[in-house]
Amino acid sequence: MKPIAANKKAYFDYKILDDVEAGIVLSGPEIKAVRAHRVNISGSYIRPLVGQSGQVELWWLGGNFNLEGDKIRSKKLLLHRDEIEKLSGKVSAKGYALLPLELYLKRGVAKLKIGLGVHRKKHDKRDLKREQDLDREARRELKGK
């Protein structure tokens, strides 16, 4: 499935340890914006709601079709109870975060790929960038031969 919106910055800023597919509850104008590829999840975050089983909040920047101007609002994510308990248990530990990674349509239904990640330190980001540059140069050399 080709993603409608991707959070590429999350892969650079966080080391993704685990990922889960979740359904997302959207209103009419919101799903219309998703189908028109007018959504942005790069500044979004996810937090489990305490005391409400089966609910996880997602904050995202919506599209142009919402007439009320409520582009940023909380969405309910649909996950199995055991997945929620596993993720909320990990998030309660210091240093872990839930991140929206990709938004896509699967058989006409909006799905969100959620990642459990640990924030990278500055030197880890430098090492990652150095490795990417070396890989790119190696591929360029192989292509030239």
Foldseek 3Di string as FASTA:
>chain_A
DDFLEFQPVCVLFWPFDDKDKWFWDDDDQQLVQSVVSFWYQNPKFKDDDPPDQQFIWIWTQGGDRDPVPPRTDTITIGDDRVVSVVLNVVVVDPQKGKGFGTWDADPNTIMTMITITGGDDPVVSVVVVVVVVVVVVVVVVVVVD
